[in-house]
PDB file of N, CA and C in Angstrom:
ATOM      1  N   MET A   1      99.613  96.866  40.326  1.00  0.00           N
ATOM      2  CA  MET A   1      98.287  95.923  41.328  1.00  0.00           C
ATOM      3  C   MET A   1      99.133  94.617  42.865  1.00  0.00           C
ATOM      4  N   LYS A   2      98.825  94.820  43.967  1.00  0.00           N
ATOM      5  CA  LYS A   2      99.199  94.102  44.498  1.00  0.00           C
ATOM      6  C   LYS A   2      98.128  92.950  45.096  1.00  0.00           C
ATOM      7  N   ARG A   3      98.728  92.095  45.679  1.00  0.00           N
ATOM      8  CA  ARG A   3      98.407  91.290  46.764  1.00  0.00           C
ATOM      9  C   ARG A   3      98.446  90.685  47.654  1.00  0.00           C
ATOM     10  N   THR A   4      97.703  90.273  48.653  1.00  0.00           N
ATOM     11  CA  THR A   4      96.657  89.886  50.032  1.00  0.00           C
ATOM     12  C   THR A   4      97.012  88.749  49.966  1.00  0.00           C
ATOM     13  N   VAL A   5      98.250  88.235  51.233  1.00  0.00           N
ATOM     14  CA  VAL A   5      98.486  86.659  51.640  1.00  0.00           C
ATOM     15  C   VAL A   5      97.857  87.699  52.810  1.00  0.00           C
ATOM     16  N   SER A   6      97.631  86.372  53.720  1.00  0.00           N
ATOM     17  CA  SER A   6      97.023  85.281  55.170  1.00  0.00           C
ATOM     18  C   SER A   6      98.158  84.834  55.280  1.00  0.00           C
ATOM     19  N   LEU A   7      98.372  85.119  56.898  1.00  0.00           N
ATOM     20  CA  LEU A   7      99.530  84.386  57.330  1.00  0.00           C
ATOM     21  C   LEU A   7      99.577  83.732  58.290  1.00  0.00           C
ATOM     22  N   HIS A   8     100.499  83.388  59.152  1.00  0.00           N
ATOM     23  CA  HIS A   8     100.257  82.724  60.586  1.00  0.00           C
ATOM     24  C   HIS A   8      99.821  83.535  61.602  1.00  0.00           C
ATOM     25  N   LEU A   9      99.730  82.946  63.001  1.00  0.00           N
ATOM     26  CA  LEU A   9      98.857  84.014  64.208  1.00  0.00           C
ATOM     27  C   LEU A   9     100.321  84.913  64.442  1.00  0.00           C
ATOM     28  N   VAL A  10     100.673  85.977  64.905  1.00  0.00           N
ATOM     29  CA  VAL A  10     101.405  87.004  65.598  1.00  0.00           C
ATOM     30  C   VAL A  10     101.949  85.567  67.240  1.00  0.00           C
ATOM     31  N   SER A  11     100.901  85.144  67.473  1.00  0.00           N
ATOM     32  CA  SER A  11     101.516  84.574  68.623  1.00  0.00           C
ATOM     33  C   SER A  11     102.334  83.701  68.237  1.00  0.00           C
ATOM     34  N   GLU A  12     102.614  83.314  66.607  1.00  0.00           N
ATOM     35  CA  GLU A  12     103.181  81.699  66.444  1.00  0.00           C
ATOM     36  C   GLU A  12     104.521  82.754  66.528  1.00  0.00           C
ATOM     37  N   ILE A  13     105.124  83.773  66.812  1.00  0.00           N
ATOM     38  CA  ILE A  13     106.036  84.510  66.168  1.00  0.00           C
ATOM     39  C   ILE A  13     106.722  84.777  68.161  1.00  0.00           C
ATOM     40  N   PRO A  14     107.294  84.228  68.390  1.00  0.00           N
ATOM     41  CA  PRO A  14     107.920  84.666  69.782  1.00  0.00           C
ATOM     42  C   PRO A  14     108.133  86.378  69.708  1.00  0.00           C
ATOM     43  N   ARG A  15     108.361  86.990  71.012  1.00  0.00           N
ATOM     44  CA  ARG A  15     109.120  88.829  70.275  1.00  0.00           C
ATOM     45  C   ARG A  15     110.161  88.570  70.322  1.00  0.00           C
ATOM     46  N   GLY A  16     110.256  89.332  69.513  1.00  0.00           N
ATOM     47  CA  GLY A  16     111.629  89.712  69.466  1.00  0.00           C
ATOM     48  C   GLY A  16     112.305  88.764  68.837  1.00  0.00           C
ATOM     49  N   GLU A  17     112.361  88.060  67.715  1.00  0.00           N
ATOM     50  CA  GLU A  17     112.225  86.928  66.617  1.00  0.00           C
ATOM     51  C   GLU A  17     111.199  87.334  65.703  1.00  0.00           C
ATOM     52  N   GLY A  18     112.041  86.405  64.453  1.00  0.00           N
ATOM     53  CA  GLY A  18     111.718  86.302  62.825  1.00  0.00           C
ATOM     54  C   GLY A  18     111.362  85.080  62.815  1.00  0.00           C
ATOM     55  N   ARG A  19     110.571  84.845  61.549  1.00  0.00           N
ATOM     56  CA  ARG A  19     110.313  83.063  60.473  1.00  0.00           C
ATOM     57  C   ARG A  19     110.043  84.244  59.306  1.00  0.00           C
ATOM     58  N   GLN A  20     110.631  82.870  58.789  1.00  0.00           N
ATOM     59  CA  GLN A  20     110.475  83.013  57.545  1.00  0.00           C
ATOM     60  C   GLN A  20     109.717  81.733  57.141  1.00  0.00           C
ATOM     61  N   ILE A  21     108.766  82.676  56.283  1.00  0.00           N
ATOM     62  CA  ILE A  21     107.503  82.699  55.570  1.00  0.00           C
ATOM     63  C   ILE A  21     107.594  82.270  53.829  1.00  0.00           C
ATOM     64  N   ALA A  22     107.592  80.657  53.439  1.00  0.00           N
ATOM     65  CA  ALA A  22     107.291  80.305  51.948  1.00  0.00           C
ATOM     66  C   ALA A  22     106.303  81.020  51.492  1.00  0.00           C
ATOM     67  N   LEU A  23     106.044  81.876  50.600  1.00  0.00           N
ATOM     68  CA  LEU A  23     104.655  82.048  49.822  1.00  0.00           C
ATOM     69  C   LEU A  23     105.330  81.757  48.188  1.00  0.00           C
ATOM     70  N   PRO A  24     103.981  81.424  47.354  1.00  0.00           N
ATOM     71  CA  PRO A  24     104.063  81.043  46.245  1.00  0.00           C
ATOM     72  C   PRO A  24     104.767  82.296  45.571  1.00  0.00           C
ATOM     73  N   GLY A  25     105.789  82.426  44.526  1.00  0.00           N
ATOM     74  CA  GLY A  25     106.491  83.257  44.157  1.00  0.00           C
ATOM     75  C   GLY A  25     107.398  84.547  44.980  1.00  0.00           C
ATOM     76  N   ALA A  26     107.752  83.938  46.368  1.00  0.00           N
ATOM     77  CA  ALA A  26     108.429  84.686  47.448  1.00  0.00           C
ATOM     78  C   ALA A  26     108.517  84.107  48.540  1.00  0.00           C
ATOM     79  N   ASP A  27     110.061  84.413  49.243  1.00  0.00           N
ATOM     80  CA  ASP A  27     110.284  84.254  50.310  1.00  0.00           C
ATOM     81  C   ASP A  27     110.127  85.635  50.863  1.00  0.00           C
ATOM     82  N   ILE A  28     109.474  85.391  52.197  1.00  0.00           N
ATOM     83  CA  ILE A  28     109.575  86.463  52.819  1.00  0.00           C
ATOM     84  C   ILE A  28     109.971  86.691  54.486  1.00  0.00           C
ATOM     85  N   ALA A  29     109.742  87.598  55.372  1.00  0.00           N
ATOM     86  CA  ALA A  29     110.297  87.307  56.516  1.00  0.00           C
ATOM     87  C   ALA A  29     109.687  88.317  57.551  1.00  0.00           C
ATOM     88  N   ILE A  30     108.995  87.942  58.540  1.00  0.00           N
ATOM     89  CA  ILE A  30     108.563  88.675  59.338  1.00  0.00           C
ATOM     90  C   ILE A  30     108.625  88.663  60.629  1.00  0.00           C
ATOM     91  N   PHE A  31     108.743  89.987  60.855  1.00  0.00           N
ATOM     92  CA  PHE A  31     109.193  90.189  62.570  1.00  0.00           C
ATOM     93  C   PHE A  31     108.184  90.537  63.590  1.00  0.00           C
ATOM     94  N   HIS A  32     108.267  89.957  65.125  1.00  0.00           N
ATOM     95  CA  HIS A  32     107.298  90.238  66.502  1.00  0.00           C
ATOM     96  C   HIS A  32     108.517  90.498  67.244  1.00  0.00           C
ATOM     97  N   SER A  33     108.390  92.601  66.643  1.00  0.00           N
ATOM     98  CA  SER A  33     109.343  93.124  68.468  1.00  0.00           C
ATOM     99  C   SER A  33     108.897  93.038  69.152  1.00  0.00           C
ATOM    100  N   ARG A  34     109.630  92.698  70.208  1.00  0.00           N
ATOM    101  CA  ARG A  34     109.114  93.281  71.813  1.00  0.00           C
ATOM    102  C   ARG A  34     108.229  93.665  71.960  1.00  0.00           C
ATOM    103  N   SER A  35     108.231  95.695  71.421  1.00  0.00           N
ATOM    104  CA  SER A  35     106.849  96.078  71.733  1.00  0.00           C
ATOM    105  C   SER A  35     105.541  95.010  71.643  1.00  0.00           C
ATOM    106  N   GLY A  36     105.212  94.607  70.441  1.00  0.00           N
ATOM    107  CA  GLY A  36     104.475  94.078  69.679  1.00  0.00           C
ATOM    108  C   GLY A  36     104.247  94.414  68.012  1.00  0.00           C
ATOM    109  N   ALA A  37     104.689  94.891  67.845  1.00  0.00           N
ATOM    110  CA  ALA A  37     104.558  96.071  66.260  1.00  0.00           C
ATOM    111  C   ALA A  37     105.553  93.983  65.841  1.00  0.00           C
ATOM    112  N   VAL A  38     104.431  94.343  64.402  1.00  0.00           N
ATOM    113  CA  VAL A  38     104.811  93.087  63.140  1.00  0.00           C
ATOM    114  C   VAL A  38     105.725  94.230  61.956  1.00  0.00           C
ATOM    115  N   TYR A  39     106.513  93.709  62.045  1.00  0.00           N
ATOM    116  CA  TYR A  39     106.895  93.883  60.461  1.00  0.00           C
ATOM    117  C   TYR A  39     107.055  92.951  59.278  1.00  0.00           C
ATOM    118  N   ALA A  40     107.176  93.506  57.941  1.00  0.00           N
ATOM    119  CA  ALA A  40     107.093  92.295  56.557  1.00  0.00           C
ATOM    120  C   ALA A  40     108.416  92.685  55.561  1.00  0.00           C
ATOM    121  N   THR A  41     109.474  91.727  55.607  1.00  0.00           N
ATOM    122  CA  THR A  41     110.891  92.508  55.112  1.00  0.00           C
ATOM    123  C   THR A  41     110.730  91.003  53.697  1.00  0.00           C
ATOM    124  N   GLN A  42     111.764  91.262  52.854  1.00  0.00           N
ATOM    125  CA  GLN A  42     112.058  90.185  51.923  1.00  0.00           C
ATOM    126  C   GLN A  42     112.960  89.126  52.482  1.00  0.00           C
ATOM    127  N   ALA A  43     113.260  88.326  52.169  1.00  0.00           N
ATOM    128  CA  ALA A  43     113.336  86.500  53.029  1.00  0.00           C
ATOM    129  C   ALA A  43     115.376  87.206  53.147  1.00  0.00           C
ATOM    130  N   THR A  44     116.058  87.582  52.468  1.00  0.00           N
ATOM    131  CA  THR A  44     117.513  87.439  52.996  1.00  0.00           C
ATOM    132  C   THR A  44     117.939  88.843  52.083  1.00  0.00           C
ATOM    133  N   CYS A  45     119.102  89.254  52.918  1.00  0.00           N
ATOM    134  CA  CYS A  45     120.350  90.757  53.030  1.00  0.00           C
ATOM    135  C   CYS A  45     120.492  90.226  51.280  1.00  0.00           C
ATOM    136  N   PRO A  46     120.445  91.183  50.710  1.00  0.00           N
ATOM    137  CA  PRO A  46     120.860  92.092  49.887  1.00  0.00           C
ATOM    138  C   PRO A  46     122.393  92.045  49.044  1.00  0.00           C
ATOM    139  N   HIS A  47     123.086  92.004  50.778  1.00  0.00           N
ATOM    140  CA  HIS A  47     124.689  91.972  50.789  1.00  0.00           C
ATOM    141  C   HIS A  47     125.300  90.566  50.607  1.00  0.00           C
ATOM    142  N   LYS A  48     124.969  89.879  51.559  1.00  0.00           N
ATOM    143  CA  LYS A  48     125.625  88.637  51.247  1.00  0.00           C
ATOM    144  C   LYS A  48     124.608  87.600  50.962  1.00  0.00           C
ATOM    145  N   GLY A  49     123.407  88.154  51.198  1.00  0.00           N
ATOM    146  CA  GLY A  49     122.059  86.725  51.010  1.00  0.00           C
ATOM    147  C   GLY A  49     121.621  85.621  52.763  1.00  0.00           C
ATOM    148  N   GLY A  50     122.302  86.318  53.537  1.00  0.00           N
ATOM    149  CA  GLY A  50     121.482  85.929  54.972  1.00  0.00           C
ATOM    150  C   GLY A  50     120.248  86.025  54.877  1.00  0.00           C
ATOM    151  N   PRO A  51     119.471  85.002  56.244  1.00  0.00           N
ATOM    152  CA  PRO A  51     118.490  84.814  56.222  1.00  0.00           C
ATOM    153  C   PRO A  51     117.814  85.630  56.956  1.00  0.00           C
ATOM    154  N   LEU A  52     117.263  87.042  56.830  1.00  0.00           N
ATOM    155  CA  LEU A  52     117.209  88.022  58.281  1.00  0.00           C
ATOM    156  C   LEU A  52     116.532  87.600  58.522  1.00  0.00           C
ATOM    157  N   ALA A  53     114.766  86.423  59.039  1.00  0.00           N
ATOM    158  CA  ALA A  53     114.212  85.970  59.751  1.00  0.00           C
ATOM    159  C   ALA A  53     115.219  85.580  61.260  1.00  0.00           C
ATOM    160  N   ASP A  54     116.552  85.051  60.784  1.00  0.00           N
ATOM    161  CA  ASP A  54     117.642  85.369  62.214  1.00  0.00           C
ATOM    162  C   ASP A  54     118.155  86.188  62.150  1.00  0.00           C
ATOM    163  N   GLY A  55     118.295  87.079  62.013  1.00  0.00           N
ATOM    164  CA  GLY A  55     118.856  88.300  62.282  1.00  0.00           C
ATOM    165  C   GLY A  55     117.868  88.546  64.062  1.00  0.00           C
ATOM    166  N   ILE A  56     119.104  89.549  64.750  1.00  0.00           N
ATOM    167  CA  ILE A  56     118.336  89.899  65.672  1.00  0.00           C
ATOM    168  C   ILE A  56     117.534  91.119  65.759  1.00  0.00           C
ATOM    169  N   VAL A  57     116.052  91.308  66.123  1.00  0.00           N
ATOM    170  CA  VAL A  57     115.023  92.589  65.950  1.00  0.00           C
ATOM    171  C   VAL A  57     115.209  93.529  67.403  1.00  0.00           C
ATOM    172  N   GLY A  58     115.898  94.546  67.466  1.00  0.00           N
ATOM    173  CA  GLY A  58     115.509  95.288  68.290  1.00  0.00           C
ATOM    174  C   GLY A  58     114.953  97.158  67.865  1.00  0.00           C
ATOM    175  N   GLY A  59     113.332  97.151  68.911  1.00  0.00           N
ATOM    176  CA  GLY A  59     112.678  97.957  68.719  1.00  0.00           C
ATOM    177  C   GLY A  59     112.695  98.117  67.242  1.00  0.00           C
ATOM    178  N   SER A  60     112.941  98.962  65.993  1.00  0.00           N
ATOM    179  CA  SER A  60     112.530  98.992  64.606  1.00  0.00           C
ATOM    180  C   SER A  60     113.586  98.345  64.128  1.00  0.00           C
ATOM    181  N   SER A  61     114.338  98.091  64.210  1.00  0.00           N
ATOM    182  CA  SER A  61     115.867  97.783  63.647  1.00  0.00           C
ATOM    183  C   SER A  61     116.221  96.451  63.717  1.00  0.00           C
ATOM    184  N   LEU A  62     116.763  95.765  62.374  1.00  0.00           N
ATOM    185  CA  LEU A  62     117.179  94.313  62.929  1.00  0.00           C
ATOM    186  C   LEU A  62     118.691  94.405  62.361  1.00  0.00           C
ATOM    187  N   VAL A  63     119.503  93.575  62.930  1.00  0.00           N
ATOM    188  CA  VAL A  63     120.462  92.775  62.780  1.00  0.00           C
ATOM    189  C   VAL A  63     120.575  91.872  61.783  1.00  0.00           C
ATOM    190  N   CYS A  64     121.499  92.162  60.693  1.00  0.00           N
ATOM    191  CA  CYS A  64     121.476  90.541  59.582  1.00  0.00           C
ATOM    192  C   CYS A  64     122.924  89.853  60.315  1.00  0.00           C
ATOM    193  N   PRO A  65     122.143  89.050  60.347  1.00  0.00           N
ATOM    194  CA  PRO A  65     122.854  87.616  61.343  1.00  0.00           C
ATOM    195  C   PRO A  65     123.887  87.404  60.325  1.00  0.00           C
ATOM    196  N   LEU A  66     124.728  87.454  59.485  1.00  0.00           N
ATOM    197  CA  LEU A  66     126.249  87.307  58.683  1.00  0.00           C
ATOM    198  C   LEU A  66     126.959  88.302  58.970  1.00  0.00           C
ATOM    199  N   HIS A  67     126.667  89.999  58.722  1.00  0.00           N
ATOM    200  CA  HIS A  67     127.510  90.653  58.549  1.00  0.00           C
ATOM    201  C   HIS A  67     127.258  91.912  59.325  1.00  0.00           C
ATOM    202  N   GLU A  68     125.915  91.682  60.157  1.00  0.00           N
ATOM    203  CA  GLU A  68     126.038  92.777  61.071  1.00  0.00           C
ATOM    204  C   GLU A  68     125.551  94.292  60.639  1.00  0.00           C
ATOM    205  N   LYS A  69     124.785  94.324  59.251  1.00  0.00           N
ATOM    206  CA  LYS A  69     124.563  95.507  58.615  1.00  0.00           C
ATOM    207  C   LYS A  69     123.453  95.684  59.611  1.00  0.00           C
ATOM    208  N   VAL A  70     122.614  96.902  59.704  1.00  0.00           N
ATOM    209  CA  VAL A  70     121.501  97.174  60.393  1.00  0.00           C
ATOM    210  C   VAL A  70     120.840  97.912  59.621  1.00  0.00           C
ATOM    211  N   PHE A  71     119.608  97.445  59.513  1.00  0.00           N
ATOM    212  CA  PHE A  71     118.056  97.680  58.461  1.00  0.00           C
ATOM    213  C   PHE A  71     116.789  98.587  59.597  1.00  0.00           C
ATOM    214  N   ASP A  72     116.558  99.731  58.573  1.00  0.00           N
ATOM    215  CA  ASP A  72     114.828 100.016  59.414  1.00  0.00           C
ATOM    216  C   ASP A  72     113.968  98.952  59.206  1.00  0.00           C
ATOM    217  N   LEU A  73     113.211  99.012  59.319  1.00  0.00           N
ATOM    218  CA  LEU A  73     112.009  97.255  59.165  1.00  0.00           C
ATOM    219  C   LEU A  73     110.942  98.366  58.624  1.00  0.00           C
ATOM    220  N   THR A  74     110.784  99.538  59.472  1.00  0.00           N
ATOM    221  CA  THR A  74     109.973 100.778  58.841  1.00  0.00           C
ATOM    222  C   THR A  74     109.947 100.872  56.751  1.00  0.00           C
ATOM    223  N   THR A  75     111.529 101.121  56.789  1.00  0.00           N
ATOM    224  CA  THR A  75     111.983 101.983  55.443  1.00  0.00           C
ATOM    225  C   THR A  75     112.842 100.896  54.520  1.00  0.00           C
ATOM    226  N   GLY A  76     113.293  99.893  54.987  1.00  0.00           N
ATOM    227  CA  GLY A  76     114.312  98.845  54.781  1.00  0.00           C
ATOM    228  C   GLY A  76     115.671  99.216  54.948  1.00  0.00           C
ATOM    229  N   THR A  77     115.698 100.850  55.036  1.00  0.00           N
ATOM    230  CA  THR A  77     117.177 101.159  54.585  1.00  0.00           C
ATOM    231  C   THR A  77     117.956 100.571  55.881  1.00  0.00           C
ATOM    232  N   CYS A  78     120.320 100.954  55.254  1.00  0.00           N
ATOM    233  CA  CYS A  78     120.116  99.927  55.202  1.00  0.00           C
ATOM    234  C   CYS A  78     121.141 101.572  56.128  1.00  0.00           C
ATOM    235  N   SER A  79     121.552 100.923  57.411  1.00  0.00           N
ATOM    236  CA  SER A  79     122.398 102.906  58.430  1.00  0.00           C
ATOM    237  C   SER A  79     123.473 102.892  58.552  1.00  0.00           C
ATOM    238  N   ASP A  80     124.170 102.180  56.612  1.00  0.00           N
ATOM    239  CA  ASP A  80     125.227 103.199  56.626  1.00  0.00           C
ATOM    240  C   ASP A  80     124.771 103.220  55.098  1.00  0.00           C
ATOM    241  N   GLY A  81     123.509 102.974  54.450  1.00  0.00           N
ATOM    242  CA  GLY A  81     123.558 103.654  53.102  1.00  0.00           C
ATOM    243  C   GLY A  81     124.264 102.900  51.932  1.00  0.00           C
ATOM    244  N   SER A  82     124.164 101.232  52.407  1.00  0.00           N
ATOM    245  CA  SER A  82     125.183 100.510  51.257  1.00  0.00           C
ATOM    246  C   SER A  82     123.439  99.805  50.827  1.00  0.00           C
ATOM    247  N   CYS A  83     122.820  99.524  51.117  1.00  0.00           N
ATOM    248  CA  CYS A  83     121.573  99.115  50.753  1.00  0.00           C
ATOM    249  C   CYS A  83     120.589  99.016  50.786  1.00  0.00           C
ATOM    250  N   VAL A  84     119.736  98.696  50.735  1.00  0.00           N
ATOM    251  CA  VAL A  84     118.039  99.110  50.981  1.00  0.00           C
ATOM    252  C   VAL A  84     117.043  97.244  50.618  1.00  0.00           C
ATOM    253  N   ILE A  85     116.647  96.645  51.935  1.00  0.00           N
ATOM    254  CA  ILE A  85     116.103  95.667  51.954  1.00  0.00           C
ATOM    255  C   ILE A  85     114.638  96.295  51.293  1.00  0.00           C
ATOM    256  N   ALA A  86     113.204  95.709  50.654  1.00  0.00           N
ATOM    257  CA  ALA A  86     111.976  95.649  50.621  1.00  0.00           C
ATOM    258  C   ALA A  86     111.441  95.494  52.248  1.00  0.00           C
ATOM    259  N   VAL A  87     110.225  95.958  51.785  1.00  0.00           N
ATOM    260  CA  VAL A  87     109.458  96.173  53.006  1.00  0.00           C
ATOM    261  C   VAL A  87     108.169  96.079  52.704  1.00  0.00           C
ATOM    262  N   TYR A  88     106.918  95.116  53.314  1.00  0.00           N
ATOM    263  CA  TYR A  88     105.959  95.324  52.628  1.00  0.00           C
ATOM    264  C   TYR A  88     104.436  95.602  54.255  1.00  0.00           C
ATOM    265  N   PRO A  89     103.841  96.231  53.738  1.00  0.00           N
ATOM    266  CA  PRO A  89     103.239  96.230  54.312  1.00  0.00           C
ATOM    267  C   PRO A  89     102.214  95.440  54.791  1.00  0.00           C
ATOM    268  N   ILE A  90     101.639  95.175  56.750  1.00  0.00           N
ATOM    269  CA  ILE A  90     101.471  93.710  57.292  1.00  0.00           C
ATOM    270  C   ILE A  90     100.531  94.523  57.992  1.00  0.00           C
ATOM    271  N   GLN A  91      99.631  94.004  58.487  1.00  0.00           N
ATOM    272  CA  GLN A  91      98.548  94.440  58.938  1.00  0.00           C
ATOM    273  C   GLN A  91      98.190  93.014  60.446  1.00  0.00           C
ATOM    274  N   GLN A  92      97.229  93.532  61.498  1.00  0.00           N
ATOM    275  CA  GLN A  92      97.565  92.554  62.446  1.00  0.00           C
ATOM    276  C   GLN A  92      96.412  92.855  62.542  1.00  0.00           C
ATOM    277  N   SER A  93      95.106  91.397  62.509  1.00  0.00           N
ATOM    278  CA  SER A  93      93.689  91.403  62.909  1.00  0.00           C
ATOM    279  C   SER A  93      93.586  91.656  64.835  1.00  0.00           C
ATOM    280  N   ALA A  94      92.454  91.120  64.947  1.00  0.00           N
ATOM    281  CA  ALA A  94      91.510  92.145  66.628  1.00  0.00           C
ATOM    282  C   ALA A  94      92.114  90.012  67.132  1.00  0.00           C
ATOM    283  N   ASP A  95      91.942  89.080  65.962  1.00  0.00           N
ATOM    284  CA  ASP A  95      92.140  87.778  66.659  1.00  0.00           C
ATOM    285  C   ASP A  95      94.013  87.313  66.224  1.00  0.00           C
ATOM    286  N   GLY A  96      94.642  88.265  66.316  1.00  0.00           N
ATOM    287  CA  GLY A  96      95.989  88.111  65.953  1.00  0.00           C
ATOM    288  C   GLY A  96      96.885  87.637  65.231  1.00  0.00           C
ATOM    289  N   GLY A  97      95.295  87.533  63.940  1.00  0.00           N
ATOM    290  CA  GLY A  97      96.519  87.205  62.505  1.00  0.00           C
ATOM    291  C   GLY A  97      96.639  88.277  61.552  1.00  0.00           C
ATOM    292  N   LEU A  98      97.682  87.679  60.714  1.00  0.00           N
ATOM    293  CA  LEU A  98      98.074  88.939  59.965  1.00  0.00           C
ATOM    294  C   LEU A  98      98.100  88.571  58.455  1.00  0.00           C
ATOM    295  N   THR A  99      98.346  89.746  57.995  1.00  0.00           N
ATOM    296  CA  THR A  99      98.125  90.315  56.731  1.00  0.00           C
ATOM    297  C   THR A  99      98.604  90.521  55.995  1.00  0.00           C
ATOM    298  N   VAL A 100      99.876  90.243  54.787  1.00  0.00           N
ATOM    299  CA  VAL A 100     100.790  91.023  54.071  1.00  0.00           C
ATOM    300  C   VAL A 100     100.706  91.405  52.846  1.00  0.00           C
ATOM    301  N   GLU A 101     100.386  92.854  52.425  1.00  0.00           N
ATOM    302  CA  GLU A 101     100.663  92.914  51.323  1.00  0.00           C
ATOM    303  C   GLU A 101     101.768  93.197  50.432  1.00  0.00           C
ATOM    304  N   LEU A 102     101.610  92.097  49.495  1.00  0.00           N
ATOM    305  CA  LEU A 102     102.327  91.536  48.453  1.00  0.00           C
ATOM    306  C   LEU A 102     102.364  92.415  47.409  1.00  0.00           C
ATOM    307  N   PRO A 103     103.589  93.062  46.103  1.00  0.00           N
ATOM    308  CA  PRO A 103     103.581  93.155  44.735  1.00  0.00           C
ATOM    309  C   PRO A 103     103.478  92.116  44.301  1.00  0.00           C
ATOM    310  N   ASN A 104     102.604  92.413  43.137  1.00  0.00           N
ATOM    311  CA  ASN A 104     102.593  90.892  42.245  1.00  0.00           C
ATOM    312  C   ASN A 104     104.243  90.772  41.341  1.00  0.00           C
TER     313      ASN A 104
END
């Protein structure tokens, strides 16, 4: 079973940046790419616990701010195959609102 959570407007996240969002039972990171795409992942890096929202976003890739591991924001895979981050389906409505689907 999954739960859907409504979040901030995409306009509150500058293009090329991420924001950590505290939700009941989970923290997530939301990213707004320079092309306008949005992505949602777990909030911390599984390698060293780094804050992923502070990473560098390039296309659909994210560079962790602590150790420069590169993650694919669509699949969660790390470019060196050492670890994986959780990614969550996210939708943007016509008014810019964001809705993310999280596991229970």
